[in-house]
C-alpha atoms as a PDB file:
ATOM      1  CA  UNK A   1     -27.795 -10.380  -5.259  1.00  0.00           C
ATOM      2  CA  UNK A   2     -26.916 -12.916  -7.955  1.00  0.00           C
ATOM      3  CA  UNK A   3     -29.613 -15.473  -8.831  1.00  0.00           C
ATOM      4  CA  UNK A   4     -28.587 -18.695 -10.574  1.00  0.00           C
ATOM      5  CA  UNK A   5     -30.904 -21.337 -12.008  1.00  0.00           C
ATOM      6  CA  UNK A   6     -30.093 -24.630 -13.689  1.00  0.00           C
ATOM      7  CA  UNK A   7     -32.116 -26.857 -16.003  1.00  0.00           C
ATOM      8  CA  UNK A   8     -31.789 -29.367 -18.809  1.00  0.00           C
ATOM      9  CA  UNK A   9     -32.516 -27.993 -22.308  1.00  0.00           C
ATOM     10  CA  UNK A  10     -35.843 -29.388 -23.504  1.00  0.00           C
ATOM     11  CA  UNK A  11     -37.802 -29.495 -26.740  1.00  0.00           C
ATOM     12  CA  UNK A  12     -40.423 -26.732 -27.039  1.00  0.00           C
ATOM     13  CA  UNK A  13     -40.271 -25.982 -23.279  1.00  0.00           C
ATOM     14  CA  UNK A  14     -43.248 -24.759 -21.255  1.00  0.00           C
ATOM     15  CA  UNK A  15     -43.689 -21.259 -19.838  1.00  0.00           C
ATOM     16  CA  UNK A  16     -42.365 -22.079 -16.360  1.00  0.00           C
ATOM     17  CA  UNK A  17     -39.002 -22.860 -17.938  1.00  0.00           C
ATOM     18  CA  UNK A  18     -38.820 -19.404 -19.526  1.00  0.00           C
ATOM     19  CA  UNK A  19     -40.053 -17.683 -16.368  1.00  0.00           C
ATOM     20  CA  UNK A  20     -37.166 -19.318 -14.500  1.00  0.00           C
ATOM     21  CA  UNK A  21     -34.709 -17.929 -17.056  1.00  0.00           C
ATOM     22  CA  UNK A  22     -36.367 -14.510 -16.923  1.00  0.00           C
ATOM     23  CA  UNK A  23     -36.062 -14.380 -13.117  1.00  0.00           C
ATOM     24  CA  UNK A  24     -32.367 -15.359 -13.097  1.00  0.00           C
ATOM     25  CA  UNK A  25     -29.172 -13.387 -13.581  1.00  0.00           C
ATOM     26  CA  UNK A  26     -27.416 -16.462 -14.971  1.00  0.00           C
ATOM     27  CA  UNK A  27     -29.091 -19.569 -16.364  1.00  0.00           C
ATOM     28  CA  UNK A  28     -27.088 -22.783 -16.694  1.00  0.00           C
ATOM     29  CA  UNK A  29     -28.146 -25.365 -19.250  1.00  0.00           C
ATOM     30  CA  UNK A  30     -27.428 -28.752 -17.739  1.00  0.00           C
ATOM     31  CA  UNK A  31     -26.309 -30.359 -20.989  1.00  0.00           C
ATOM     32  CA  UNK A  32     -23.779 -32.884 -19.639  1.00  0.00           C
ATOM     33  CA  UNK A  33     -26.101 -35.109 -17.590  1.00  0.00           C
ATOM     34  CA  UNK A  34     -27.766 -38.324 -18.686  1.00  0.00           C
ATOM     35  CA  UNK A  35     -30.654 -38.248 -21.134  1.00  0.00           C
ATOM     36  CA  UNK A  36     -33.785 -39.598 -19.431  1.00  0.00           C
ATOM     37  CA  UNK A  37     -36.406 -41.254 -21.681  1.00  0.00           C
ATOM     38  CA  UNK A  38     -40.019 -40.069 -21.444  1.00  0.00           C
ATOM     39  CA  UNK A  39     -39.019 -36.763 -19.874  1.00  0.00           C
ATOM     40  CA  UNK A  40     -39.071 -33.350 -21.571  1.00  0.00           C
ATOM     41  CA  UNK A  41     -35.690 -33.479 -23.295  1.00  0.00           C
ATOM     42  CA  UNK A  42     -37.189 -34.479 -26.644  1.00  0.00           C
ATOM     43  CA  UNK A  43     -40.941 -33.912 -26.354  1.00  0.00           C
ATOM     44  CA  UNK A  44     -43.657 -31.545 -25.196  1.00  0.00           C
ATOM     45  CA  UNK A  45     -47.397 -30.919 -25.438  1.00  0.00           C
ATOM     46  CA  UNK A  46     -49.318 -28.528 -27.658  1.00  0.00           C
ATOM     47  CA  UNK A  47     -52.971 -27.447 -27.446  1.00  0.00           C
ATOM     48  CA  UNK A  48     -55.304 -29.178 -29.890  1.00  0.00           C
ATOM     49  CA  UNK A  49     -59.045 -29.358 -30.473  1.00  0.00           C
ATOM     50  CA  UNK A  50     -58.879 -32.663 -28.550  1.00  0.00           C
ATOM     51  CA  UNK A  51     -57.217 -30.991 -25.532  1.00  0.00           C
ATOM     52  CA  UNK A  52     -53.511 -31.730 -26.129  1.00  0.00           C
ATOM     53  CA  UNK A  53     -51.040 -33.847 -28.048  1.00  0.00           C
ATOM     54  CA  UNK A  54     -47.357 -34.712 -27.669  1.00  0.00           C
ATOM     55  CA  UNK A  55     -44.739 -33.766 -30.232  1.00  0.00           C
ATOM     56  CA  UNK A  56     -41.733 -36.068 -29.856  1.00  0.00           C
ATOM     57  CA  UNK A  57     -38.352 -35.916 -31.573  1.00  0.00           C
ATOM     58  CA  UNK A  58     -37.122 -39.499 -32.140  1.00  0.00           C
ATOM     59  CA  UNK A  59     -33.548 -40.144 -31.092  1.00  0.00           C
ATOM     60  CA  UNK A  60     -30.941 -42.781 -31.916  1.00  0.00           C
ATOM     61  CA  UNK A  61     -28.853 -43.394 -28.815  1.00  0.00           C
ATOM     62  CA  UNK A  62     -31.043 -43.490 -25.724  1.00  0.00           C
ATOM     63  CA  UNK A  63     -28.991 -45.508 -23.263  1.00  0.00           C
ATOM     64  CA  UNK A  64     -26.306 -43.961 -21.112  1.00  0.00           C
ATOM     65  CA  UNK A  65     -25.733 -40.870 -23.234  1.00  0.00           C
ATOM     66  CA  UNK A  66     -25.426 -37.334 -21.967  1.00  0.00           C
ATOM     67  CA  UNK A  67     -27.911 -34.851 -23.368  1.00  0.00           C
ATOM     68  CA  UNK A  68     -25.243 -33.091 -25.424  1.00  0.00           C
ATOM     69  CA  UNK A  69     -24.348 -36.378 -27.153  1.00  0.00           C
ATOM     70  CA  UNK A  70     -27.865 -37.516 -28.096  1.00  0.00           C
ATOM     71  CA  UNK A  71     -28.390 -37.823 -31.854  1.00  0.00           C
ATOM     72  CA  UNK A  72     -31.667 -37.267 -33.697  1.00  0.00           C
ATOM     73  CA  UNK A  73     -33.181 -40.180 -35.632  1.00  0.00           C
ATOM     74  CA  UNK A  74     -34.261 -39.239 -39.160  1.00  0.00           C
ATOM     75  CA  UNK A  75     -35.423 -42.704 -40.193  1.00  0.00           C
ATOM     76  CA  UNK A  76     -38.995 -41.383 -39.945  1.00  0.00           C
ATOM     77  CA  UNK A  77     -40.270 -38.063 -41.256  1.00  0.00           C
ATOM     78  CA  UNK A  78     -41.006 -36.496 -37.875  1.00  0.00           C
ATOM     79  CA  UNK A  79     -40.118 -32.997 -39.110  1.00  0.00           C
ATOM     80  CA  UNK A  80     -42.988 -32.946 -41.591  1.00  0.00           C
ATOM     81  CA  UNK A  81     -45.308 -34.355 -38.944  1.00  0.00           C
ATOM     82  CA  UNK A  82     -44.397 -31.648 -36.437  1.00  0.00           C
ATOM     83  CA  UNK A  83     -44.739 -28.881 -38.996  1.00  0.00           C
ATOM     84  CA  UNK A  84     -48.133 -30.122 -40.174  1.00  0.00           C
ATOM     85  CA  UNK A  85     -49.340 -30.603 -36.599  1.00  0.00           C
ATOM     86  CA  UNK A  86     -48.412 -27.035 -35.680  1.00  0.00           C
ATOM     87  CA  UNK A  87     -50.125 -25.697 -38.805  1.00  0.00           C
ATOM     88  CA  UNK A  88     -53.291 -27.756 -38.306  1.00  0.00           C
ATOM     89  CA  UNK A  89     -53.704 -26.772 -34.656  1.00  0.00           C
ATOM     90  CA  UNK A  90     -52.486 -23.162 -34.662  1.00  0.00           C
ATOM     91  CA  UNK A  91     -53.211 -21.733 -38.104  1.00  0.00           C
ATOM     92  CA  UNK A  92     -56.262 -19.914 -36.701  1.00  0.00           C
ATOM     93  CA  UNK A  93     -54.287 -18.391 -33.820  1.00  0.00           C
ATOM     94  CA  UNK A  94     -54.117 -14.600 -34.018  1.00  0.00           C
ATOM     95  CA  UNK A  95     -50.313 -14.378 -34.336  1.00  0.00           C
ATOM     96  CA  UNK A  96     -49.613 -17.674 -36.065  1.00  0.00           C
ATOM     97  CA  UNK A  97     -48.393 -16.122 -39.316  1.00  0.00           C
ATOM     98  CA  UNK A  98     -45.930 -13.900 -37.418  1.00  0.00           C
ATOM     99  CA  UNK A  99     -43.959 -16.895 -36.160  1.00  0.00           C
ATOM    100  CA  UNK A 100     -44.696 -19.965 -38.252  1.00  0.00           C
ATOM    101  CA  UNK A 101     -41.998 -19.103 -40.795  1.00  0.00           C
ATOM    102  CA  UNK A 102     -39.388 -19.691 -38.078  1.00  0.00           C
ATOM    103  CA  UNK A 103     -40.681 -23.234 -37.595  1.00  0.00           C
ATOM    104  CA  UNK A 104     -40.953 -23.855 -41.323  1.00  0.00           C
ATOM    105  CA  UNK A 105     -37.279 -22.925 -41.661  1.00  0.00           C
ATOM    106  CA  UNK A 106     -36.366 -24.876 -38.537  1.00  0.00           C
ATOM    107  CA  UNK A 107     -37.853 -28.094 -39.879  1.00  0.00           C
ATOM    108  CA  UNK A 108     -36.055 -27.649 -43.192  1.00  0.00           C
ATOM    109  CA  UNK A 109     -32.737 -27.949 -41.360  1.00  0.00           C
ATOM    110  CA  UNK A 110     -31.091 -31.178 -40.299  1.00  0.00           C
ATOM    111  CA  UNK A 111     -29.629 -31.021 -36.817  1.00  0.00           C
ATOM    112  CA  UNK A 112     -27.414 -33.943 -35.902  1.00  0.00           C
ATOM    113  CA  UNK A 113     -27.796 -33.376 -32.163  1.00  0.00           C
ATOM    114  CA  UNK A 114     -30.961 -32.901 -30.133  1.00  0.00           C
ATOM    115  CA  UNK A 115     -29.243 -30.178 -28.109  1.00  0.00           C
ATOM    116  CA  UNK A 116     -28.707 -27.993 -31.181  1.00  0.00           C
ATOM    117  CA  UNK A 117     -32.338 -28.296 -32.248  1.00  0.00           C
ATOM    118  CA  UNK A 118     -33.584 -27.490 -28.747  1.00  0.00           C
ATOM    119  CA  UNK A 119     -31.302 -24.487 -28.348  1.00  0.00           C
ATOM    120  CA  UNK A 120     -32.364 -22.929 -31.649  1.00  0.00           C
ATOM    121  CA  UNK A 121     -35.972 -22.993 -30.451  1.00  0.00           C
ATOM    122  CA  UNK A 122     -35.096 -21.785 -26.952  1.00  0.00           C
ATOM    123  CA  UNK A 123     -33.053 -18.833 -28.231  1.00  0.00           C
ATOM    124  CA  UNK A 124     -35.882 -17.802 -30.560  1.00  0.00           C
ATOM    125  CA  UNK A 125     -38.420 -17.880 -27.739  1.00  0.00           C
ATOM    126  CA  UNK A 126     -36.095 -16.026 -25.374  1.00  0.00           C
ATOM    127  CA  UNK A 127     -35.840 -13.249 -27.935  1.00  0.00           C
ATOM    128  CA  UNK A 128     -39.607 -13.071 -28.418  1.00  0.00           C
ATOM    129  CA  UNK A 129     -40.190 -13.108 -24.642  1.00  0.00           C
ATOM    130  CA  UNK A 130     -37.648 -10.284 -24.231  1.00  0.00           C
ATOM    131  CA  UNK A 131     -35.331 -12.370 -22.028  1.00  0.00           C
ATOM    132  CA  UNK A 132     -31.700 -11.248 -21.842  1.00  0.00           C
ATOM    133  CA  UNK A 133     -30.357 -13.520 -19.081  1.00  0.00           C
ATOM    134  CA  UNK A 134     -26.732 -14.658 -19.360  1.00  0.00           C
ATOM    135  CA  UNK A 135     -26.529 -18.253 -20.610  1.00  0.00           C
ATOM    136  CA  UNK A 136     -23.866 -20.802 -19.643  1.00  0.00           C
ATOM    137  CA  UNK A 137     -23.591 -24.515 -20.448  1.00  0.00           C
ATOM    138  CA  UNK A 138     -22.655 -26.836 -17.604  1.00  0.00           C
ATOM    139  CA  UNK A 139     -20.265 -28.690 -19.920  1.00  0.00           C
ATOM    140  CA  UNK A 140     -18.139 -25.520 -20.008  1.00  0.00           C
ATOM    141  CA  UNK A 141     -17.650 -25.434 -16.227  1.00  0.00           C
ATOM    142  CA  UNK A 142     -15.543 -28.594 -15.717  1.00  0.00           C
ATOM    143  CA  UNK A 143     -17.558 -29.831 -12.727  1.00  0.00           C
ATOM    144  CA  UNK A 144     -17.873 -33.594 -12.186  1.00  0.00           C
ATOM    145  CA  UNK A 145     -20.108 -33.854  -9.106  1.00  0.00           C
ATOM    146  CA  UNK A 146     -23.700 -35.136  -9.251  1.00  0.00           C
ATOM    147  CA  UNK A 147     -27.200 -34.382  -7.950  1.00  0.00           C
ATOM    148  CA  UNK A 148     -27.319 -31.822  -5.138  1.00  0.00           C
ATOM    149  CA  UNK A 149     -23.533 -31.458  -5.099  1.00  0.00           C
ATOM    150  CA  UNK A 150     -23.540 -30.620  -8.799  1.00  0.00           C
ATOM    151  CA  UNK A 151     -26.054 -27.815  -8.327  1.00  0.00           C
ATOM    152  CA  UNK A 152     -24.148 -26.486  -5.343  1.00  0.00           C
ATOM    153  CA  UNK A 153     -20.779 -26.608  -7.116  1.00  0.00           C
ATOM    154  CA  UNK A 154     -22.205 -24.745 -10.106  1.00  0.00           C
ATOM    155  CA  UNK A 155     -23.624 -22.078  -7.800  1.00  0.00           C
ATOM    156  CA  UNK A 156     -20.318 -21.735  -5.956  1.00  0.00           C
ATOM    157  CA  UNK A 157     -18.320 -21.491  -9.171  1.00  0.00           C
ATOM    158  CA  UNK A 158     -20.617 -18.741 -10.449  1.00  0.00           C
ATOM    159  CA  UNK A 159     -20.689 -16.863  -7.125  1.00  0.00           C
ATOM    160  CA  UNK A 160     -24.417 -17.286  -6.602  1.00  0.00           C
ATOM    161  CA  UNK A 161     -26.250 -15.667  -3.721  1.00  0.00           C
ATOM    162  CA  UNK A 162     -29.511 -17.427  -4.576  1.00  0.00           C
ATOM    163  CA  UNK A 163     -30.196 -20.744  -6.275  1.00  0.00           C
ATOM    164  CA  UNK A 164     -33.618 -20.900  -7.916  1.00  0.00           C
ATOM    165  CA  UNK A 165     -34.692 -24.544  -7.985  1.00  0.00           C
ATOM    166  CA  UNK A 166     -37.687 -26.327  -9.361  1.00  0.00           C
ATOM    167  CA  UNK A 167     -40.141 -27.529  -6.720  1.00  0.00           C
ATOM    168  CA  UNK A 168     -38.828 -31.106  -7.092  1.00  0.00           C
ATOM    169  CA  UNK A 169     -35.522 -29.892  -5.674  1.00  0.00           C
ATOM    170  CA  UNK A 170     -37.068 -30.288  -2.237  1.00  0.00           C
ATOM    171  CA  UNK A 171     -36.728 -34.061  -2.645  1.00  0.00           C
ATOM    172  CA  UNK A 172     -32.971 -34.173  -3.262  1.00  0.00           C
ATOM    173  CA  UNK A 173     -31.205 -30.880  -2.504  1.00  0.00           C
ATOM    174  CA  UNK A 174     -29.024 -30.884   0.613  1.00  0.00           C
ATOM    175  CA  UNK A 175     -30.222 -27.579   1.992  1.00  0.00           C
ATOM    176  CA  UNK A 176     -27.716 -27.597   4.854  1.00  0.00           C
ATOM    177  CA  UNK A 177     -24.821 -27.618   2.356  1.00  0.00           C
ATOM    178  CA  UNK A 178     -26.220 -24.574   0.606  1.00  0.00           C
ATOM    179  CA  UNK A 179     -26.663 -22.853   3.974  1.00  0.00           C
ATOM    180  CA  UNK A 180     -23.025 -23.527   4.873  1.00  0.00           C
ATOM    181  CA  UNK A 181     -22.002 -21.890   1.571  1.00  0.00           C
ATOM    182  CA  UNK A 182     -24.236 -18.863   2.241  1.00  0.00           C
ATOM    183  CA  UNK A 183     -26.406 -19.644  -0.762  1.00  0.00           C
ATOM    184  CA  UNK A 184     -30.142 -19.256  -0.307  1.00  0.00           C
ATOM    185  CA  UNK A 185     -32.446 -21.720  -2.080  1.00  0.00           C
ATOM    186  CA  UNK A 186     -35.700 -20.440  -3.543  1.00  0.00           C
ATOM    187  CA  UNK A 187     -38.177 -22.960  -4.958  1.00  0.00           C
ATOM    188  CA  UNK A 188     -40.094 -21.995  -8.058  1.00  0.00           C
ATOM    189  CA  UNK A 189     -43.823 -22.629  -7.859  1.00  0.00           C
ATOM    190  CA  UNK A 190     -44.853 -21.122 -11.177  1.00  0.00           C
ATOM    191  CA  UNK A 191     -48.429 -19.837 -11.360  1.00  0.00           C
ATOM    192  CA  UNK A 192     -49.445 -20.372 -14.967  1.00  0.00           C
ATOM    193  CA  UNK A 193     -51.131 -17.322 -16.547  1.00  0.00           C
ATOM    194  CA  UNK A 194     -54.389 -17.519 -18.469  1.00  0.00           C
ATOM    195  CA  UNK A 195     -54.603 -16.042 -21.949  1.00  0.00           C
ATOM    196  CA  UNK A 196     -56.695 -16.467 -25.062  1.00  0.00           C
ATOM    197  CA  UNK A 197     -56.215 -19.892 -26.648  1.00  0.00           C
ATOM    198  CA  UNK A 198     -57.602 -20.996 -30.016  1.00  0.00           C
ATOM    199  CA  UNK A 199     -59.643 -23.712 -28.319  1.00  0.00           C
ATOM    200  CA  UNK A 200     -61.676 -23.482 -25.140  1.00  0.00           C
ATOM    201  CA  UNK A 201     -61.605 -24.099 -22.239  1.00  0.00           C
ATOM    202  CA  UNK A 202     -58.132 -22.844 -21.379  1.00  0.00           C
ATOM    203  CA  UNK A 203     -55.597 -25.589 -20.659  1.00  0.00           C
ATOM    204  CA  UNK A 204     -52.297 -24.582 -18.994  1.00  0.00           C
ATOM    205  CA  UNK A 205     -48.836 -26.142 -19.196  1.00  0.00           C
ATOM    206  CA  UNK A 206     -48.563 -26.388 -22.960  1.00  0.00           C
ATOM    207  CA  UNK A 207     -45.355 -25.695 -24.881  1.00  0.00           C
ATOM    208  CA  UNK A 208     -44.527 -21.976 -24.680  1.00  0.00           C
ATOM    209  CA  UNK A 209     -45.232 -21.546 -28.395  1.00  0.00           C
ATOM    210  CA  UNK A 210     -48.900 -21.745 -27.425  1.00  0.00           C
ATOM    211  CA  UNK A 211     -48.574 -18.326 -25.786  1.00  0.00           C
ATOM    212  CA  UNK A 212     -46.550 -16.925 -28.675  1.00  0.00           C
ATOM    213  CA  UNK A 213     -49.006 -17.998 -31.389  1.00  0.00           C
ATOM    214  CA  UNK A 214     -51.963 -16.681 -29.404  1.00  0.00           C
ATOM    215  CA  UNK A 215     -50.587 -13.472 -27.865  1.00  0.00           C
ATOM    216  CA  UNK A 216     -47.728 -12.424 -30.168  1.00  0.00           C
ATOM    217  CA  UNK A 217     -45.959  -9.263 -29.001  1.00  0.00           C
ATOM    218  CA  UNK A 218     -47.993  -9.328 -25.789  1.00  0.00           C
ATOM    219  CA  UNK A 219     -46.368 -12.621 -24.767  1.00  0.00           C
ATOM    220  CA  UNK A 220     -43.468 -11.045 -22.860  1.00  0.00           C
ATOM    221  CA  UNK A 221     -45.895  -8.945 -20.813  1.00  0.00           C
ATOM    222  CA  UNK A 222     -48.043 -11.996 -19.991  1.00  0.00           C
ATOM    223  CA  UNK A 223     -45.009 -13.977 -18.881  1.00  0.00           C
ATOM    224  CA  UNK A 224     -43.510 -11.096 -16.903  1.00  0.00           C
ATOM    225  CA  UNK A 225     -46.728 -10.665 -14.897  1.00  0.00           C
ATOM    226  CA  UNK A 226     -47.006 -14.381 -14.071  1.00  0.00           C
ATOM    227  CA  UNK A 227     -46.052 -15.250 -10.505  1.00  0.00           C
ATOM    228  CA  UNK A 228     -42.969 -17.413  -9.988  1.00  0.00           C
ATOM    229  CA  UNK A 229     -43.869 -18.433  -6.425  1.00  0.00           C
END
């Protein structure tokens, strides 16, 4: 049984994103669809003493661009801000020093494209979460359909038996078309695990680095035990 999942590459994604990759045989990064402002492509939340705060990567070309064409805006010093914010809020986390050097080095680099920045973070977290799923970019598949048809065509091209969708897929997926193609749809309903955070009470749905800074080498085990449905 071959499980395929598909998602846009985001900035500092949350744990449900990585659980979806972990559960799949092949994960497709949907990099050739339109960038949507105020979504998760260029921002996410981290845990702070005041509950949570957004970290946002400013971008230059917001209108009508595909995700893989979006350029980062360096007219403001957001890199220093993100690095300082991570240090201020996570320096007391048990495993902060094990991983902060990656982010220090990351923010010393200058990525032209948002996609390249996001993927460097995602690949690092996949490694630390012990995820070895095959990765494919939608832009490599030469498929021009949209919405439900796009997801179906990707699944068909990759010989999927199961398509793992986010719960919002229920609002737009044409389930009958998947049935006709003998592809079963499963809807992810990720049950966020609890773990020890620097600040109390526990708040779920932060960027996945929250788990890494707090649980270190135990992170993969925590994520593996979390329910996907």
